[in-house]
Amino acid sequence: MYLLCVYGHLLLSQACFWMLAGVFHLSGIITLVGSETPPHFLYSEILSIGVVWAMTFIRERNQLITSDSRLAHHFALKQVATAYALLFLYLAATKDTGISRLLMFSLLPALYLTLLVANTWLPGFISRQMFRGERAERILLAGSSASARRLDQWLQRKGLVGYQSIGRLDDYPTGPEVLGPLADLEAVVLRHRVTQLIVTELVMPTGFLAEATGICERHGIRLLAVSDVDDQFHHPVMLLEDDGVRFFTLRDEPLENPLNRIFKRAFDIALATPVTVLILPITHLLVWGLQRWQSPGPVYFTQTRAGMKNRPFTIYKYRSMRLDNPDETRQATINDDRVFPAGRWLRKLSLDELPQFYNVLRGDMSVVGPRPHMIQHNALFAQALKNYQVRTIAKPGITGLAQVRGLRGETSTPEAIAARVTADVEYLENWSFAGDCLIVLRTFLHIASPPKRAV
């Protein structure tokens, strides 16, 4: 159906060009024959390619097929703009000055009107020719009124490709479209020449789905069942197959694949080993000198953090706060008086995080992942956001998607927590080795130009 619409637009745009060019030729304004005439055939081809190219990149192609009049104007403008952009690009590249400017600018409104009519009228014309008579699908719904209503817009859109709803079966009739109880399925199928049965919900009376399957198989009827599993869980779900058993799960988790975990661990070791061996000794001396100057005391700061599956582990950082810190559980803020002057730069440039590469080698952390919070903060944040603990499915990281998006620093509001958790869950659901590499590169850029939220 969509390809037929594309071919139709191609033919109509060609017809529009040559009809207008023919009128100009008969009027003596341009010449279409002769060895010295501009390549009008090439011009028409470029314009048609632009029209079709715009259709392939229209995200709302389903709406285009359904002949939505509200979008016809939008589609026509996009097609004309793309077609003329290609033509101007060709003319500029080849320095072609032979084309008639009058033809070009007269064609602009003509082509727009042609495509506007095509977007409005063509899909309906094609569907009437392709899906009339015996080619039409006679749809019978089976299920409650509430579940059937969810298909109203879908059926309306599919009406253009021959889908015709003849009614519904329901043991609790609530409207004139009900043709009888579920037990009358076979009689209704034969009486109304049904070609497709749609079960609108999976929770049906005992035995109905098995009986419906047998009836559809006997009479050669297509059977569809609407998945309402998302409604049952109140959460989007995905189908997962493991060792021949199919499961529903709340999200895709690429790191559940052992091979992906091996790649990620190898990446962690490849980065953490040179940092721990070559860079940490140098930064240790630098930090020690700064601390001796401004805040004498231990070089490292250790704290218990929540790791993967909320398991506690000891995190290592270069100490950036004074020893007389009355409340280590309080989040650091901008201009925090607990941070000594050089410590502000350590935190701003994320140098205080470097000892965590030792945590990576130990297996407590990964280079990339959700940032580990204190156990007290995890419990507090989990009260503010119900899916907060989802981020603990993977190992915590030194950097992460949330951090490279600028979601650093104090998380003092539910909105700030939600934004960070959204990024963390997005990372878990879309993990890839290339994505980890990109996050590391973006982290270097953030170190070179720290965001204002960095504290």
Protein backbone atom coordinates (compact mmCIF):
# COMPACT_ATOMS: atom_id res chain seq x y z
CA MET A 1 0.00 0.00 0.00
CA TYR A 2 2.73 2.44 0.96
CA LEU A 3 4.83 1.54 -2.10
CA LEU A 4 1.80 2.06 -4.34
CA CYS A 5 1.40 5.54 -2.84
CA VAL A 6 5.08 6.21 -3.55
CA TYR A 7 4.70 5.13 -7.19
CA GLY A 8 1.58 7.26 -7.49
CA HIS A 9 3.39 10.36 -6.22
CA LEU A 10 6.23 9.64 -8.62
CA LEU A 11 3.88 9.49 -11.62
CA LEU A 12 1.84 12.52 -10.56
CA SER A 13 4.92 14.69 -9.99
CA GLN A 14 6.23 13.70 -13.44
CA ALA A 15 2.83 14.45 -15.01
CA CYS A 16 2.68 17.84 -13.29
CA PHE A 17 6.13 18.82 -14.58
CA TRP A 18 5.56 17.74 -18.18
CA MET A 19 2.07 19.18 -18.42
CA LEU A 20 3.31 22.59 -17.28
CA ALA A 21 6.42 22.30 -19.47
CA GLY A 22 4.19 21.40 -22.44
CA VAL A 23 2.04 24.49 -21.87
CA PHE A 24 5.18 26.67 -21.75
CA HIS A 25 6.51 24.98 -24.91
CA LEU A 26 3.29 25.60 -26.83
CA SER A 27 3.34 29.23 -25.64
CA GLY A 28 6.87 29.67 -27.00
CA ILE A 29 8.37 30.42 -23.57
CA ILE A 30 10.66 27.37 -23.55
CA THR A 31 11.84 24.81 -26.10
CA LEU A 32 11.68 21.12 -25.33
CA VAL A 33 13.24 19.80 -28.57
CA GLY A 34 16.62 20.45 -30.15
CA SER A 35 20.27 19.70 -29.35
CA GLU A 36 20.83 22.95 -27.44
CA THR A 37 17.81 22.72 -25.15
CA PRO A 38 18.33 22.31 -21.37
CA PRO A 39 17.93 18.74 -20.03
CA HIS A 40 14.32 19.01 -18.91
CA PHE A 41 14.10 15.24 -18.56
CA LEU A 42 16.87 15.39 -15.95
CA TYR A 43 15.13 18.25 -14.12
CA SER A 44 11.93 16.25 -13.89
CA GLU A 45 13.76 13.20 -12.60
CA ILE A 46 15.54 15.20 -9.87
CA LEU A 47 12.26 16.73 -8.71
CA SER A 48 10.56 13.33 -8.63
CA ILE A 49 13.45 11.81 -6.67
CA GLY A 50 13.07 14.62 -4.13
CA VAL A 51 9.33 13.98 -3.81
CA VAL A 52 9.84 10.25 -3.22
CA TRP A 53 12.87 10.76 -0.98
CA ALA A 54 10.83 13.00 1.31
CA MET A 55 8.21 10.25 1.61
CA THR A 56 10.78 7.68 2.73
CA PHE A 57 11.89 9.94 5.59
CA ILE A 58 8.40 10.95 6.76
CA ARG A 59 8.07 9.47 10.23
CA GLU A 60 4.28 9.65 10.02
CA ARG A 61 4.11 7.40 6.96
CA ASN A 62 1.23 5.43 8.50
CA GLN A 63 -0.77 8.64 8.77
CA LEU A 64 0.14 9.38 5.15
CA ILE A 65 -1.28 6.05 4.09
CA THR A 66 -4.47 6.71 6.02
CA SER A 67 -5.04 9.95 4.15
CA ASP A 68 -5.23 12.18 7.20
CA SER A 69 -6.26 15.55 5.75
CA ARG A 70 -4.62 17.40 8.64
CA LEU A 71 -1.22 16.09 7.58
CA ALA A 72 -1.65 16.40 3.81
CA HIS A 73 -0.50 20.04 3.79
CA HIS A 74 2.51 19.23 5.98
CA PHE A 75 3.57 16.30 3.78
CA ALA A 76 3.15 18.30 0.56
CA LEU A 77 5.33 21.14 1.85
CA LYS A 78 8.02 18.71 2.96
CA GLN A 79 8.00 16.97 -0.43
CA VAL A 80 8.18 20.22 -2.40
CA ALA A 81 10.96 21.59 -0.19
CA THR A 82 13.03 18.42 -0.61
CA ALA A 83 12.46 18.30 -4.37
CA TYR A 84 13.51 21.92 -4.89
CA ALA A 85 16.49 21.58 -2.54
CA LEU A 86 17.82 18.72 -4.70
CA LEU A 87 17.18 20.68 -7.89
CA PHE A 88 18.97 23.80 -6.61
CA LEU A 89 21.86 21.65 -5.39
CA TYR A 90 22.22 20.15 -8.88
CA LEU A 91 22.01 23.53 -10.58
CA ALA A 92 24.64 25.00 -8.25
CA ALA A 93 27.00 22.02 -8.61
CA THR A 94 26.80 21.96 -12.42
CA LYS A 95 26.46 25.76 -12.86
CA ASP A 96 23.46 25.06 -15.06
CA THR A 97 21.73 28.30 -16.03
CA GLY A 98 19.63 26.93 -18.89
CA ILE A 99 16.46 26.12 -16.96
CA SER A 100 13.64 28.63 -17.28
CA ARG A 101 13.19 30.55 -14.02
CA LEU A 102 9.57 31.15 -14.97
CA LEU A 103 9.04 27.38 -15.28
CA MET A 104 10.73 26.76 -11.94
CA PHE A 105 8.64 29.24 -10.00
CA SER A 106 5.40 28.38 -11.80
CA LEU A 107 5.96 24.72 -11.05
CA LEU A 108 6.29 25.42 -7.32
CA PRO A 109 2.57 26.04 -6.57
CA ALA A 110 1.48 23.53 -9.22
CA LEU A 111 3.57 20.77 -7.69
CA TYR A 112 2.38 21.65 -4.19
CA LEU A 113 -1.30 21.49 -5.23
CA THR A 114 -0.71 18.21 -7.06
CA LEU A 115 0.91 16.62 -4.01
CA LEU A 116 -1.72 18.07 -1.68
CA VAL A 117 -4.46 16.42 -3.73
CA ALA A 118 -2.41 13.21 -3.98
CA ASN A 119 -1.86 13.04 -0.21
CA THR A 120 -5.57 13.53 0.40
CA TRP A 121 -7.10 11.44 -2.38
CA LEU A 122 -4.57 8.84 -3.58
CA PRO A 123 -4.50 6.46 -0.54
CA GLY A 124 -8.29 6.23 -0.52
CA PHE A 125 -8.43 5.58 -4.27
CA ILE A 126 -5.80 2.82 -4.05
CA SER A 127 -7.48 1.17 -1.07
CA ARG A 128 -10.88 1.15 -2.79
CA GLN A 129 -9.36 -0.59 -5.79
CA MET A 130 -7.32 -3.11 -3.80
CA PHE A 131 -9.57 -3.95 -0.85
CA ARG A 132 -13.09 -4.03 -2.20
CA GLY A 133 -15.41 -6.99 -2.48
CA GLU A 134 -13.88 -10.31 -1.50
CA ARG A 135 -10.56 -8.67 -0.62
CA ALA A 136 -12.10 -6.85 2.36
CA GLU A 137 -11.45 -8.24 5.85
CA ARG A 138 -14.58 -8.82 7.94
CA ILE A 139 -13.47 -8.41 11.55
CA LEU A 140 -15.23 -9.92 14.57
CA LEU A 141 -14.17 -8.76 18.02
CA ALA A 142 -14.46 -10.91 21.14
CA GLY A 143 -14.13 -9.30 24.55
CA SER A 144 -15.43 -6.58 26.85
CA SER A 145 -16.56 -3.15 25.76
CA ALA A 146 -13.65 -1.46 27.54
CA SER A 147 -10.99 -3.61 25.87
CA ALA A 148 -12.65 -3.26 22.44
CA ARG A 149 -12.66 0.54 22.70
CA ARG A 150 -8.87 0.52 22.71
CA LEU A 151 -9.01 -0.71 19.11
CA ASP A 152 -11.32 2.04 17.83
CA GLN A 153 -8.61 4.23 16.33
CA TRP A 154 -6.67 1.25 15.02
CA LEU A 155 -9.78 -0.07 13.23
CA GLN A 156 -10.49 3.39 11.86
CA ARG A 157 -7.00 3.60 10.38
CA LYS A 158 -7.18 0.05 9.04
CA GLY A 159 -10.51 0.82 7.39
CA LEU A 160 -8.47 2.28 4.54
CA VAL A 161 -6.94 -1.13 3.83
CA GLY A 162 -10.21 -3.01 3.88
CA TYR A 163 -10.74 -3.79 7.58
CA GLN A 164 -14.44 -3.76 8.40
CA SER A 165 -15.65 -4.44 11.95
CA ILE A 166 -18.96 -6.31 11.85
CA GLY A 167 -19.54 -6.44 15.61
CA ARG A 168 -18.49 -7.97 18.90
CA LEU A 169 -19.13 -11.04 21.06
CA ASP A 170 -19.53 -10.49 24.80
CA ASP A 171 -21.15 -12.41 27.64
CA TYR A 172 -22.15 -9.07 29.17
CA PRO A 173 -23.64 -7.07 26.26
CA THR A 174 -23.36 -3.31 26.68
CA GLY A 175 -24.03 -1.98 23.19
CA PRO A 176 -25.85 -2.52 19.90
CA GLU A 177 -22.66 -3.85 18.25
CA VAL A 178 -22.83 -7.03 20.37
CA LEU A 179 -23.87 -9.96 18.15
CA GLY A 180 -24.22 -12.51 20.94
CA PRO A 181 -22.38 -14.31 23.76
CA LEU A 182 -18.96 -15.90 23.35
CA ALA A 183 -20.58 -19.32 23.06
CA ASP A 184 -22.15 -18.25 19.71
CA LEU A 185 -18.73 -17.76 18.10
CA GLU A 186 -19.01 -20.45 15.41
CA ALA A 187 -22.59 -19.52 14.48
CA VAL A 188 -21.66 -15.82 14.15
CA VAL A 189 -18.57 -16.68 12.12
CA LEU A 190 -20.65 -18.62 9.60
CA ARG A 191 -23.60 -16.22 9.51
CA HIS A 192 -21.51 -13.08 8.95
CA ARG A 193 -18.75 -14.64 6.83
CA VAL A 194 -16.06 -13.53 9.28
CA THR A 195 -12.50 -13.58 7.91
CA GLN A 196 -10.64 -12.46 11.02
CA LEU A 197 -11.27 -12.84 14.76
CA ILE A 198 -9.64 -10.43 17.23
CA VAL A 199 -9.70 -11.39 20.91
CA THR A 200 -9.42 -8.04 22.68
CA GLU A 201 -8.09 -9.33 26.03
CA LEU A 202 -6.16 -12.38 27.17
CA VAL A 203 -8.14 -12.95 30.36
CA MET A 204 -11.15 -14.79 28.93
CA PRO A 205 -13.58 -17.42 30.27
CA THR A 206 -12.03 -20.85 30.77
CA GLY A 207 -11.72 -22.80 27.54
CA PHE A 208 -12.73 -19.97 25.19
CA LEU A 209 -9.28 -19.36 23.69
CA ALA A 210 -8.77 -23.07 22.97
CA GLU A 211 -12.27 -23.32 21.43
CA ALA A 212 -11.73 -20.16 19.37
CA THR A 213 -8.45 -21.57 18.08
CA GLY A 214 -10.16 -24.74 16.90
CA ILE A 215 -13.01 -22.84 15.19
CA CYS A 216 -10.62 -20.49 13.39
CA GLU A 217 -8.46 -23.39 12.23
CA ARG A 218 -11.48 -25.32 10.93
CA HIS A 219 -12.86 -22.37 8.94
CA GLY A 220 -9.56 -20.83 7.78
CA ILE A 221 -9.99 -17.65 9.82
CA ARG A 222 -7.08 -15.52 10.97
CA LEU A 223 -6.93 -15.25 14.79
CA LEU A 224 -5.35 -12.29 16.55
CA ALA A 225 -5.20 -11.65 20.30
CA VAL A 226 -4.50 -8.19 21.69
CA SER A 227 -1.72 -8.30 24.27
CA ASP A 228 -2.95 -6.55 27.41
CA VAL A 229 -0.04 -7.81 29.52
CA ASP A 230 1.18 -4.20 29.93
CA ASP A 231 -2.16 -3.38 31.56
CA GLN A 232 -1.91 -6.39 33.86
CA PHE A 233 1.52 -5.33 35.10
CA HIS A 234 0.84 -1.57 34.87
CA HIS A 235 4.24 -1.43 33.16
CA PRO A 236 5.57 -2.02 29.63
CA VAL A 237 6.78 -5.62 29.25
CA MET A 238 8.95 -7.52 26.80
CA LEU A 239 8.92 -11.13 25.64
CA LEU A 240 12.05 -13.08 26.55
CA GLU A 241 12.98 -16.60 25.50
CA ASP A 242 15.51 -18.55 27.55
CA ASP A 243 16.41 -22.16 26.83
CA GLY A 244 13.11 -22.79 25.08
CA VAL A 245 10.96 -21.16 27.78
CA ARG A 246 9.20 -17.87 27.07
CA PHE A 247 8.90 -15.24 29.78
CA PHE A 248 7.52 -11.74 30.14
CA THR A 249 9.99 -9.27 31.64
CA LEU A 250 9.77 -5.59 32.51
CA ARG A 251 12.76 -4.51 30.43
CA ASP A 252 15.50 -5.65 28.09
CA GLU A 253 18.83 -6.09 29.91
CA PRO A 254 21.75 -6.62 27.52
CA LEU A 255 24.11 -7.21 30.45
CA GLU A 256 22.19 -10.38 31.34
CA ASN A 257 24.00 -11.88 28.35
CA PRO A 258 27.18 -13.55 29.73
CA LEU A 259 29.13 -12.60 26.59
CA ASN A 260 28.26 -8.93 27.08
CA ARG A 261 29.39 -9.13 30.70
CA ILE A 262 32.72 -10.59 29.55
CA PHE A 263 33.21 -7.71 27.09
CA LYS A 264 32.35 -5.17 29.78
CA ARG A 265 34.69 -6.73 32.34
CA ALA A 266 37.52 -6.87 29.79
CA PHE A 267 36.93 -3.19 29.01
CA ASP A 268 37.04 -2.39 32.74
CA ILE A 269 40.32 -4.20 33.28
CA ALA A 270 41.88 -2.70 30.13
CA LEU A 271 41.17 0.81 31.44
CA ALA A 272 41.65 0.31 35.17
CA THR A 273 45.02 -1.48 35.02
CA PRO A 274 47.09 1.32 33.39
CA VAL A 275 45.34 3.98 35.49
CA THR A 276 46.05 2.09 38.73
CA VAL A 277 49.68 1.28 37.84
CA LEU A 278 50.77 4.48 36.06
CA ILE A 279 48.49 7.36 37.07
CA LEU A 280 47.48 6.66 40.69
CA PRO A 281 51.07 6.81 42.06
CA ILE A 282 51.59 10.25 40.51
CA THR A 283 48.24 11.66 41.63
CA HIS A 284 48.81 10.16 45.09
CA LEU A 285 51.91 12.31 45.54
CA LEU A 286 50.14 15.38 44.15
CA VAL A 287 47.12 14.99 46.43
CA TRP A 288 49.33 14.20 49.42
CA GLY A 289 51.22 17.46 48.87
CA LEU A 290 48.01 19.50 48.57
CA GLN A 291 46.57 17.92 51.69
CA ARG A 292 49.76 18.49 53.70
CA TRP A 293 49.55 22.13 52.66
CA GLN A 294 45.87 22.80 53.35
CA SER A 295 44.36 19.89 55.32
CA PRO A 296 46.83 17.36 56.79
CA GLY A 297 45.48 13.88 57.31
CA PRO A 298 44.92 10.59 55.46
CA VAL A 299 45.21 10.74 51.67
CA TYR A 300 42.26 8.47 51.04
CA PHE A 301 38.65 8.70 52.11
CA THR A 302 36.73 5.44 52.45
CA GLN A 303 33.01 5.02 52.81
CA THR A 304 30.45 2.23 52.60
CA ARG A 305 28.35 2.51 49.45
CA ALA A 306 25.51 0.45 47.94
CA GLY A 307 26.77 -1.67 45.06
CA MET A 308 25.17 -4.14 42.68
CA LYS A 309 21.91 -5.53 44.12
CA ASN A 310 22.42 -3.12 47.04
CA ARG A 311 25.35 -5.12 48.38
CA PRO A 312 27.58 -2.85 50.51
CA PHE A 313 31.19 -2.28 49.50
CA THR A 314 33.98 0.11 50.51
CA ILE A 315 34.61 2.88 48.02
CA TYR A 316 37.97 4.68 47.77
CA LYS A 317 38.39 8.37 46.98
CA TYR A 318 41.02 11.02 47.45
CA ARG A 319 40.01 12.97 50.52
CA SER A 320 38.72 16.41 49.53
CA MET A 321 37.08 17.44 52.84
CA ARG A 322 38.55 18.55 56.14
CA LEU A 323 38.93 16.00 58.92
CA ASP A 324 36.57 17.91 61.22
CA ASN A 325 33.55 16.84 59.17
CA PRO A 326 30.52 16.64 61.48
CA ASP A 327 28.25 14.83 59.00
CA GLU A 328 29.78 12.55 56.37
CA THR A 329 26.34 11.46 55.14
CA ARG A 330 25.32 14.97 54.05
CA GLN A 331 25.65 15.49 50.28
CA ALA A 332 28.28 17.92 49.12
CA THR A 333 26.94 21.24 47.85
CA ILE A 334 28.36 24.16 45.90
CA ASN A 335 30.70 26.21 48.14
CA ASP A 336 30.48 23.51 50.84
CA ASP A 337 32.60 24.75 53.80
CA ARG A 338 33.69 21.20 54.57
CA VAL A 339 35.79 21.07 51.37
CA PHE A 340 39.28 22.58 51.59
CA PRO A 341 40.31 24.91 48.69
CA ALA A 342 42.43 22.43 46.71
CA GLY A 343 39.75 19.81 47.34
CA ARG A 344 37.29 21.92 45.36
CA TRP A 345 39.49 21.51 42.29
CA LEU A 346 39.93 17.81 42.92
CA ARG A 347 36.13 17.43 42.95
CA LYS A 348 35.55 19.85 40.07
CA LEU A 349 37.93 17.93 37.81
CA SER A 350 36.77 14.53 39.20
CA LEU A 351 40.34 13.71 40.24
CA ASP A 352 39.08 12.62 43.65
CA GLU A 353 37.35 9.68 41.88
CA LEU A 354 40.57 8.18 40.47
CA PRO A 355 41.13 5.67 43.33
CA GLN A 356 37.85 4.04 42.31
CA PHE A 357 39.76 2.36 39.50
CA TYR A 358 41.09 0.15 42.30
CA ASN A 359 37.42 -0.68 43.07
CA VAL A 360 37.03 -1.58 39.41
CA LEU A 361 39.95 -4.02 39.55
CA ARG A 362 38.47 -5.57 42.70
CA GLY A 363 35.17 -6.09 40.89
CA ASP A 364 33.13 -3.80 43.16
CA MET A 365 32.55 -1.30 40.38
CA SER A 366 32.66 -0.85 36.62
CA VAL A 367 34.14 2.05 34.68
CA VAL A 368 30.68 2.92 33.34
CA GLY A 369 27.44 2.45 35.25
CA PRO A 370 25.06 4.16 37.68
CA ARG A 371 26.89 6.11 40.37
CA PRO A 372 27.00 4.36 43.78
CA HIS A 373 25.21 6.21 46.57
CA MET A 374 25.43 5.81 50.30
CA ILE A 375 23.11 3.17 51.72
CA GLN A 376 21.22 5.83 53.70
CA HIS A 377 20.69 7.88 50.53
CA ASN A 378 19.52 4.84 48.58
CA ALA A 379 16.82 4.17 51.16
CA LEU A 380 15.79 7.84 51.12
CA PHE A 381 15.71 8.13 47.32
CA ALA A 382 13.77 4.85 47.00
CA GLN A 383 10.97 6.43 49.04
CA ALA A 384 10.79 9.35 46.60
CA LEU A 385 10.86 7.24 43.41
CA LYS A 386 9.33 3.78 43.15
CA ASN A 387 11.68 2.48 40.43
CA TYR A 388 14.82 3.89 42.01
CA GLN A 389 16.25 0.48 42.94
CA VAL A 390 16.20 -0.63 39.29
CA ARG A 391 19.52 1.16 38.87
CA THR A 392 21.14 -1.33 41.27
CA ILE A 393 20.66 -4.20 38.80
CA ALA A 394 24.10 -3.42 37.31
CA LYS A 395 27.45 -2.67 38.90
CA PRO A 396 27.91 0.97 39.88
CA GLY A 397 30.31 2.99 37.75
CA ILE A 398 32.91 5.72 38.04
CA THR A 399 31.05 7.57 35.30
CA GLY A 400 27.72 6.99 33.61
CA LEU A 401 25.09 8.24 31.21
CA ALA A 402 23.56 10.50 33.86
CA GLN A 403 26.93 12.12 34.57
CA VAL A 404 27.79 12.90 30.94
CA ARG A 405 24.34 14.46 30.59
CA GLY A 406 25.28 16.91 33.34
CA LEU A 407 23.24 15.23 36.09
CA ARG A 408 25.95 15.57 38.68
CA GLY A 409 26.17 17.02 42.14
CA GLU A 410 23.53 17.25 44.80
CA THR A 411 20.22 15.44 44.24
CA SER A 412 18.02 17.41 46.60
CA THR A 413 14.70 17.29 44.74
CA PRO A 414 12.50 14.43 43.46
CA GLU A 415 12.90 15.85 39.94
CA ALA A 416 16.69 15.63 40.14
CA ILE A 417 16.49 12.05 41.43
CA ALA A 418 14.00 11.10 38.69
CA ALA A 419 16.20 12.58 35.94
CA ARG A 420 19.22 10.63 37.16
CA VAL A 421 17.28 7.37 37.54
CA THR A 422 15.75 7.78 34.06
CA ALA A 423 19.23 8.06 32.57
CA ASP A 424 20.49 5.09 34.59
CA VAL A 425 17.59 2.86 33.52
CA GLU A 426 18.05 3.96 29.91
CA TYR A 427 21.68 2.88 30.18
CA LEU A 428 20.72 -0.54 31.58
CA GLU A 429 18.14 -1.15 28.84
CA ASN A 430 20.36 0.00 25.96
CA TRP A 431 23.85 -1.07 27.03
CA SER A 432 26.38 -1.61 24.28
CA PHE A 433 30.17 -1.79 24.16
CA ALA A 434 30.25 1.17 21.78
CA GLY A 435 28.00 3.09 24.17
CA ASP A 436 30.46 2.56 27.04
CA CYS A 437 33.31 3.82 24.86
CA LEU A 438 31.31 6.92 23.93
CA ILE A 439 30.45 7.65 27.59
CA VAL A 440 34.15 7.44 28.52
CA LEU A 441 35.07 9.87 25.73
CA ARG A 442 32.31 12.28 26.80
CA THR A 443 33.58 12.01 30.38
CA PHE A 444 36.99 13.31 29.27
CA LEU A 445 35.23 16.29 27.69
CA HIS A 446 33.36 16.95 30.94
CA ILE A 447 36.63 16.83 32.88
CA ALA A 448 38.14 19.37 30.49
CA SER A 449 35.04 21.59 30.79
CA PRO A 450 33.20 20.71 34.03
CA PRO A 451 29.46 21.54 34.22
CA LYS A 452 28.25 24.09 36.75
CA ARG A 453 26.60 21.36 38.84
CA ALA A 454 29.96 19.69 39.50
CA VAL A 455 30.84 20.06 43.21
